[in-house]
Amino acid sequence: MSNMSKQSYLMEEMSWPEVETALEEVEAAIIPVGSHEQHGPHLAESCDSDRAEKFARLLAERLYPRVLVTPTVNFGVSYHHMKFPGTITLSPETFISLLFDIARSLHQHGLERIIIFNAHGGNDAPIDVAIEKIRQAFPVRLTAFKHSDFIEDFIDSKVESETYGHACEYEVSEMLYLAPEKVKKDKLTPGEVLDFAGEYLKSPARIGADFAELTANGALGDATLASRELGEEIITEALDEVVKYIEKFINI
């Protein structure tokens, strides 16, 4: 990633007078949301939060001065990873309440468009509930998505692994580009995928399961196929698509 300084509105780096001035031109707030959970033997457990924060910062640069980024929500709903040490999970109720309170604060400061940028699949369902609770309480417009939602076919065309989606060549590649210091390069290893994973991942129905039932080492796919170049390709493609979407959303 380039080290060139670009303008952006990042709340965690701003004083209140700076925020007050920014609110004169900001049209939407972005809440980056991740998790703290196992990501195999080769990624730090902050992976999802790192990806959420770094991608949101890139959005802030591309969309300056139209968006403001809040501090990252570093914990999510991760019950399914709890059999691996170090995972910290919030209950759905706590997670929803947290998003509600953040949105209430943003609304109080005059923001009427809120974007929840999510980097962890386990957060999807509680985010949907949070959106309904928030919009019933305050007159705000909300949207939520993962960057991969916009480029699923592109990712499929680039990834060689038969299974992917967690601590895999796709996520490791993104981390090699966004936060390489969090990748344990000497421990990159293929996922030890278990038989049940095939049924679970290919089923059109939801199946409740622990991640330890899918993989013995917490990873899917083959992280040894990851590269910084692939990460940059994926992030750049996603960034282009997400920026276009947010520009439309702001005008809804």
Foldseek 3Di string as FASTA:
>chain_A
DDPDDADFAEPVPDDPVVVLVLVVAAAEEEEQEFAQADFFPWFHSQLFQLLSVLLVVVLRRVDPSHYHYYRYHRHEAAPLRVVDPGGDHDDLVVVLVVVLVVLVVVVVSPHQEYEYEGRDPRRVVSVVVSQVVNVVVDNHHYDYDYLCVQPVVVVVVVADFPDADGSAQQSQLLCCQRPVVRTRVVPFFAWQFDPVLVVQVPDPDHDDHRVCNGTVRNGHYGNVPHHPVSSVVSSVVSSVRVSVVVVVVSVD
